[in-house]
Amino acid sequence: MRVTQNMLVNNLLYQLRLSQDRLVNLQNQIASGRRIHAPSDDPVATVKVLEYRAIKADITQYKGNAEMGIEWLGIAGNALEQATQGMQRVRELAVAGASSSLPAGSREALALEVEQLREEMVQVASTKYRDKYVFSGLLIDRPPFDASSTYQGDLNTVETEVAAGITVGIGLPGDGIFGTGATKAGKSIFQVLDDLASDLRAGNHQLVGNARLAEVAEIEDTILSHQAIIGSRMNRLEKTIDRLTDTWLKVEDLLSRRQDTDIPAAVTELATLEAAYRSSLMSTARIIQPTLLEFLR
């Protein structure tokens, strides 16, 4: 096949355009810091990049869920700490009220303080996290106890997902803490405090010193056991966050290797391409410079 002047020129110009495209692409990689701007740049790496991005998105969601769970449990834990302090004061009042020599005025004062502590327990049981009742089971939009101190939540547990198919319970149904599950006999904390106030007023010092004090101690144990549950769950969530953070960093490193530009290598390659491009321009100019008129001179 005879090679014409036009064929030669067109081929040279085509090769120059390819060199220009490579230069522009490499300059974009250096300027943006990204090696891949379109799937066609590296189809195999693009698949991995999409996979890593999806993993990072999942990790971010799971980490957010775990952090929310820690906040929820922290609010519940603070509420139970208040309840513990309240019951400790109730026990002190019961011990004082167990004395047979206590005058009626003093018993009335003790009963009034017990009733005040009962109202505080109602407020503690109605603790909220972001407008959600933490002790209502899954019925987080309603107060756990109604005006008569009857539990109106459910016995299910709010959970948060921290990995695919893995959840951690963060809710504590209030019936097992403040309601009928507070004592083995099925008496709620509110009923125990009502009975204590009544016995104090009536001067039933033996009941106060025996049955009521025993019930108060039982409620304290119930609250303490739930505080331990909260502590163990928070510990699990904190370890989960640490694990997710480590995984996120590893995936981020893998993603960077796939999509980020190796700046030193790219700069070196750019210098090489620029030198080759200049050489191509010089050689092309020499090849396409002669014309028929120049040969006839």
Protein backbone atom coordinates (compact mmCIF):
# COMPACT_ATOMS: atom_id res chain seq x y z
CA MET A 1 0.00 0.00 0.00
CA ARG A 2 1.34 3.40 -1.00
CA VAL A 3 1.66 5.83 1.86
CA THR A 4 0.52 9.25 0.76
CA GLN A 5 1.43 12.58 2.27
CA ASN A 6 -2.12 13.02 3.65
CA MET A 7 -2.02 9.61 5.33
CA LEU A 8 1.28 10.47 6.92
CA VAL A 9 0.04 13.84 8.18
CA ASN A 10 -3.26 12.46 9.48
CA ASN A 11 -1.50 9.69 11.38
CA LEU A 12 0.94 12.14 12.94
CA LEU A 13 -1.88 14.46 13.98
CA TYR A 14 -3.82 11.51 15.44
CA GLN A 15 -0.83 10.48 17.54
CA LEU A 16 -0.40 14.07 18.71
CA ARG A 17 -4.04 14.21 19.80
CA LEU A 18 -3.59 10.98 21.76
CA SER A 19 -0.57 12.49 23.51
CA GLN A 20 -2.55 15.63 24.27
CA ASP A 21 -5.40 13.56 25.73
CA ARG A 22 -2.97 11.65 27.95
CA LEU A 23 -1.43 14.92 29.12
CA VAL A 24 -4.80 16.49 29.89
CA ASN A 25 -5.98 13.37 31.72
CA LEU A 26 -2.83 13.24 33.81
CA GLN A 27 -3.05 16.95 34.62
CA ASN A 28 -6.65 16.44 35.77
CA GLN A 29 -5.58 13.55 37.98
CA ILE A 30 -2.91 15.69 39.64
CA ALA A 31 -5.18 18.72 40.02
CA SER A 32 -8.14 16.77 41.47
CA GLY A 33 -6.15 14.17 43.37
CA ARG A 34 -8.38 11.48 41.85
CA ARG A 35 -7.20 8.89 39.38
CA ILE A 36 -10.70 7.86 38.32
CA HIS A 37 -13.17 10.41 36.97
CA ALA A 38 -15.28 8.10 34.84
CA PRO A 39 -15.83 4.31 34.84
CA SER A 40 -13.98 4.10 31.53
CA ASP A 41 -10.78 5.34 33.22
CA ASP A 42 -10.45 1.97 35.00
CA PRO A 43 -13.53 -0.32 34.89
CA VAL A 44 -12.08 -2.89 37.31
CA ALA A 45 -11.05 -0.27 39.87
CA THR A 46 -14.40 1.50 39.48
CA VAL A 47 -16.22 -1.62 40.64
CA LYS A 48 -14.03 -1.77 43.74
CA VAL A 49 -14.45 1.95 44.38
CA LEU A 50 -18.23 1.60 44.33
CA GLU A 51 -17.99 -1.40 46.65
CA TYR A 52 -15.78 0.44 49.13
CA ARG A 53 -18.04 3.49 49.08
CA ALA A 54 -21.05 1.31 49.86
CA ILE A 55 -19.17 -0.28 52.75
CA LYS A 56 -18.23 3.14 54.11
CA ALA A 57 -21.85 4.30 53.89
CA ASP A 58 -22.98 1.23 55.85
CA ILE A 59 -20.28 1.74 58.46
CA THR A 60 -21.28 5.39 58.86
CA GLN A 61 -24.90 4.37 59.39
CA TYR A 62 -24.06 1.62 61.88
CA LYS A 63 -21.72 3.92 63.78
CA GLY A 64 -24.44 6.56 63.96
CA ASN A 65 -26.86 3.94 65.27
CA ALA A 66 -24.39 2.88 67.95
CA GLU A 67 -23.74 6.48 69.00
CA MET A 68 -27.48 7.10 69.23
CA GLY A 69 -27.80 3.94 71.34
CA ILE A 70 -25.13 5.17 73.74
CA GLU A 71 -26.95 8.47 74.10
CA TRP A 72 -30.26 6.68 74.72
CA LEU A 73 -28.72 4.37 77.31
CA GLY A 74 -26.92 7.30 78.91
CA ILE A 75 -30.22 9.12 79.41
CA ALA A 76 -31.78 5.97 80.85
CA GLY A 77 -28.76 5.44 83.10
CA ASN A 78 -28.98 8.98 84.47
CA ALA A 79 -32.68 8.44 85.16
CA LEU A 80 -31.99 5.25 87.10
CA GLU A 81 -29.24 7.00 89.05
CA GLN A 82 -31.84 9.58 90.11
CA ALA A 83 -34.18 6.75 91.03
CA THR A 84 -31.46 5.12 93.11
CA GLN A 85 -30.82 8.33 95.00
CA GLY A 86 -34.54 8.76 95.56
CA MET A 87 -34.93 5.24 96.95
CA GLN A 88 -31.95 5.73 99.22
CA ARG A 89 -33.75 8.70 100.71
CA VAL A 90 -36.95 6.63 100.97
CA ARG A 91 -35.04 4.00 102.93
CA GLU A 92 -33.75 6.67 105.32
CA LEU A 93 -37.30 7.90 105.84
CA ALA A 94 -38.55 4.35 106.42
CA VAL A 95 -35.83 3.70 108.98
CA ALA A 96 -36.77 6.90 110.79
CA GLY A 97 -40.46 6.01 110.59
CA ALA A 98 -39.90 2.56 112.10
CA SER A 99 -39.40 4.16 115.52
CA SER A 100 -42.39 3.62 117.83
CA SER A 101 -41.63 6.84 119.72
CA LEU A 102 -42.03 9.11 116.68
CA PRO A 103 -44.73 11.77 117.24
CA ALA A 104 -47.63 12.18 114.82
CA GLY A 105 -46.28 15.44 113.42
CA SER A 106 -42.99 13.87 112.53
CA ARG A 107 -44.69 10.88 110.91
CA GLU A 108 -46.77 13.26 108.80
CA ALA A 109 -43.64 15.09 107.69
CA LEU A 110 -42.05 11.80 106.70
CA ALA A 111 -45.17 10.73 104.81
CA LEU A 112 -45.27 14.03 102.91
CA GLU A 113 -41.64 13.63 101.84
CA VAL A 114 -42.34 10.06 100.70
CA GLU A 115 -45.21 11.35 98.58
CA GLN A 116 -42.94 14.00 97.12
CA LEU A 117 -40.40 11.34 96.24
CA ARG A 118 -43.19 9.33 94.63
CA GLU A 119 -43.93 12.25 92.31
CA GLU A 120 -40.25 12.47 91.47
CA MET A 121 -40.30 8.77 90.55
CA VAL A 122 -43.19 9.44 88.18
CA GLN A 123 -41.07 12.09 86.48
CA VAL A 124 -38.06 9.78 86.34
CA ALA A 125 -40.17 7.02 84.78
CA SER A 126 -41.31 9.54 82.13
CA THR A 127 -37.77 10.39 81.04
CA LYS A 128 -37.45 11.26 77.35
CA TYR A 129 -34.73 11.05 74.73
CA ARG A 130 -35.41 13.34 71.77
CA ASP A 131 -39.14 13.42 72.53
CA LYS A 132 -39.22 9.62 72.91
CA TYR A 133 -40.09 7.96 76.21
CA VAL A 134 -37.22 5.66 77.10
CA PHE A 135 -39.18 3.42 79.48
CA SER A 136 -42.26 2.74 77.30
CA GLY A 137 -40.95 -0.24 75.38
CA LEU A 138 -41.64 0.20 71.67
CA LEU A 139 -44.53 2.57 72.38
CA ILE A 140 -42.09 5.45 72.61
CA ASP A 141 -44.67 8.11 71.76
CA ARG A 142 -46.69 7.64 74.95
CA PRO A 143 -45.82 8.08 78.64
CA PRO A 144 -45.01 4.74 80.30
CA PHE A 145 -47.47 5.31 83.16
CA ASP A 146 -50.87 6.95 83.19
CA ALA A 147 -52.36 9.14 85.93
CA SER A 148 -53.18 6.07 88.04
CA SER A 149 -49.56 4.82 87.70
CA THR A 150 -50.65 1.93 85.49
CA TYR A 151 -48.09 0.88 82.92
CA GLN A 152 -49.29 1.66 79.39
CA GLY A 153 -46.19 0.87 77.39
CA ASP A 154 -45.31 -2.61 76.11
CA LEU A 155 -42.73 -5.19 77.13
CA ASN A 156 -40.69 -5.04 73.93
CA THR A 157 -37.23 -3.53 73.72
CA VAL A 158 -36.08 -0.74 71.42
CA GLU A 159 -33.06 -1.98 69.45
CA THR A 160 -30.44 -0.38 67.25
CA GLU A 161 -28.71 -2.13 64.35
CA VAL A 162 -24.92 -2.06 64.58
CA ALA A 163 -24.11 -4.52 61.78
CA ALA A 164 -25.99 -6.44 59.13
CA GLY A 165 -28.59 -8.45 61.07
CA ILE A 166 -27.02 -7.60 64.44
CA THR A 167 -28.87 -5.41 66.94
CA VAL A 168 -28.32 -4.22 70.49
CA GLY A 169 -31.18 -3.51 72.85
CA ILE A 170 -31.20 0.06 74.13
CA GLY A 171 -34.70 0.30 75.56
CA LEU A 172 -35.78 -0.79 79.03
CA PRO A 173 -39.53 -1.42 79.45
CA GLY A 174 -40.53 0.54 82.51
CA ASP A 175 -42.88 -2.10 83.88
CA GLY A 176 -39.89 -4.20 84.94
CA ILE A 177 -38.30 -1.27 86.75
CA PHE A 178 -41.07 0.94 88.10
CA GLY A 179 -44.17 -1.19 87.51
CA THR A 180 -45.28 -4.64 88.59
CA GLY A 181 -41.82 -6.06 87.96
CA ALA A 182 -40.24 -3.83 90.59
CA THR A 183 -40.94 -6.38 93.35
CA LYS A 184 -41.40 -10.13 93.45
CA ALA A 185 -44.90 -9.64 94.83
CA GLY A 186 -45.87 -7.64 91.75
CA LYS A 187 -46.13 -4.29 93.50
CA SER A 188 -45.01 -1.23 91.61
CA ILE A 189 -42.65 1.31 93.06
CA PHE A 190 -45.56 3.72 93.27
CA GLN A 191 -47.69 1.29 95.24
CA VAL A 192 -44.84 0.63 97.65
CA LEU A 193 -44.39 4.35 98.27
CA ASP A 194 -48.14 4.84 98.69
CA ASP A 195 -48.25 2.04 101.27
CA LEU A 196 -45.23 3.46 103.05
CA ALA A 197 -46.81 6.91 103.30
CA SER A 198 -50.06 5.40 104.61
CA ASP A 199 -48.27 3.28 107.21
CA LEU A 200 -46.24 6.27 108.38
CA ARG A 201 -49.37 8.32 108.96
CA ALA A 202 -51.10 5.41 110.71
CA GLY A 203 -48.09 4.82 112.95
CA ASN A 204 -47.65 1.23 111.74
CA HIS A 205 -44.00 1.30 112.71
CA GLN A 206 -43.59 -2.49 112.61
CA LEU A 207 -44.87 -2.69 109.03
CA VAL A 208 -42.65 0.22 108.08
CA GLY A 209 -39.58 -1.38 109.69
CA ASN A 210 -40.18 -4.81 108.22
CA ALA A 211 -42.36 -5.20 105.11
CA ARG A 212 -41.89 -1.69 103.72
CA LEU A 213 -38.14 -1.60 104.26
CA ALA A 214 -37.86 -5.02 102.61
CA GLU A 215 -39.82 -3.77 99.60
CA VAL A 216 -37.66 -0.68 99.35
CA ALA A 217 -34.52 -2.82 99.40
CA GLU A 218 -36.01 -5.07 96.70
CA ILE A 219 -36.73 -2.07 94.48
CA GLU A 220 -33.17 -0.81 94.99
CA ASP A 221 -31.87 -4.19 93.83
CA THR A 222 -34.17 -4.08 90.79
CA ILE A 223 -32.89 -0.65 89.79
CA LEU A 224 -29.30 -1.71 90.39
CA SER A 225 -29.68 -4.77 88.14
CA HIS A 226 -31.02 -2.60 85.32
CA GLN A 227 -28.15 -0.16 85.79
CA ALA A 228 -25.81 -3.12 85.27
CA ILE A 229 -27.68 -4.00 82.06
CA ILE A 230 -27.25 -0.43 80.83
CA GLY A 231 -23.55 -0.51 81.65
CA SER A 232 -22.95 -3.76 79.76
CA ARG A 233 -24.85 -2.53 76.70
CA MET A 234 -23.00 0.78 76.64
CA ASN A 235 -19.72 -1.09 76.88
CA ARG A 236 -20.71 -3.28 73.94
CA LEU A 237 -21.71 -0.26 71.85
CA GLU A 238 -18.48 1.56 72.65
CA LYS A 239 -16.46 -1.46 71.51
CA THR A 240 -18.62 -1.65 68.41
CA ILE A 241 -17.85 1.98 67.59
CA ASP A 242 -14.13 1.31 68.01
CA ARG A 243 -14.36 -1.68 65.68
CA LEU A 244 -16.37 0.24 63.10
CA THR A 245 -13.90 3.12 63.22
CA ASP A 246 -10.99 0.75 62.59
CA THR A 247 -12.84 -0.89 59.71
CA TRP A 248 -13.75 2.50 58.23
CA LEU A 249 -10.09 3.56 58.25
CA LYS A 250 -9.01 0.33 56.55
CA VAL A 251 -11.67 0.68 53.87
CA GLU A 252 -10.74 4.34 53.40
CA ASP A 253 -7.14 3.28 52.81
CA LEU A 254 -8.21 0.67 50.25
CA LEU A 255 -10.45 3.22 48.55
CA SER A 256 -7.63 5.75 48.42
CA ARG A 257 -5.33 3.23 46.78
CA ARG A 258 -7.93 2.56 44.11
CA GLN A 259 -9.10 6.06 43.28
CA ASP A 260 -6.55 8.59 44.52
CA THR A 261 -3.67 9.83 42.41
CA ASP A 262 -0.13 8.83 43.30
CA ILE A 263 1.13 12.40 43.04
CA PRO A 264 4.91 11.71 42.88
CA ALA A 265 4.44 9.02 40.24
CA ALA A 266 1.97 11.17 38.30
CA VAL A 267 4.30 14.18 38.28
CA THR A 268 7.14 12.01 37.00
CA GLU A 269 4.92 10.52 34.31
CA LEU A 270 3.69 14.01 33.34
CA ALA A 271 7.25 15.23 32.86
CA THR A 272 7.99 12.20 30.69
CA LEU A 273 4.86 12.70 28.59
CA GLU A 274 5.59 16.41 28.16
CA ALA A 275 9.09 15.64 26.93
CA ALA A 276 7.75 13.01 24.55
CA TYR A 277 5.05 15.42 23.34
CA ARG A 278 7.60 18.14 22.58
CA SER A 279 9.75 15.64 20.71
CA SER A 280 6.71 14.54 18.72
CA LEU A 281 5.93 18.15 17.81
CA MET A 282 9.48 18.75 16.60
CA SER A 283 9.64 15.58 14.54
CA THR A 284 6.20 16.16 13.10
CA ALA A 285 7.13 19.68 12.08
CA ARG A 286 10.15 18.38 10.24
CA ILE A 287 8.23 15.61 8.48
CA ILE A 288 5.30 17.68 7.23
CA GLN A 289 7.35 20.81 6.48
CA PRO A 290 8.59 19.96 2.89
CA THR A 291 6.22 20.92 0.07
CA LEU A 292 6.32 20.40 -3.71
CA LEU A 293 7.45 23.98 -4.27
CA GLU A 294 10.39 23.46 -1.92
CA PHE A 295 11.45 20.36 -3.86
CA LEU A 296 11.28 22.36 -7.14
CA ARG A 297 13.57 25.13 -5.83
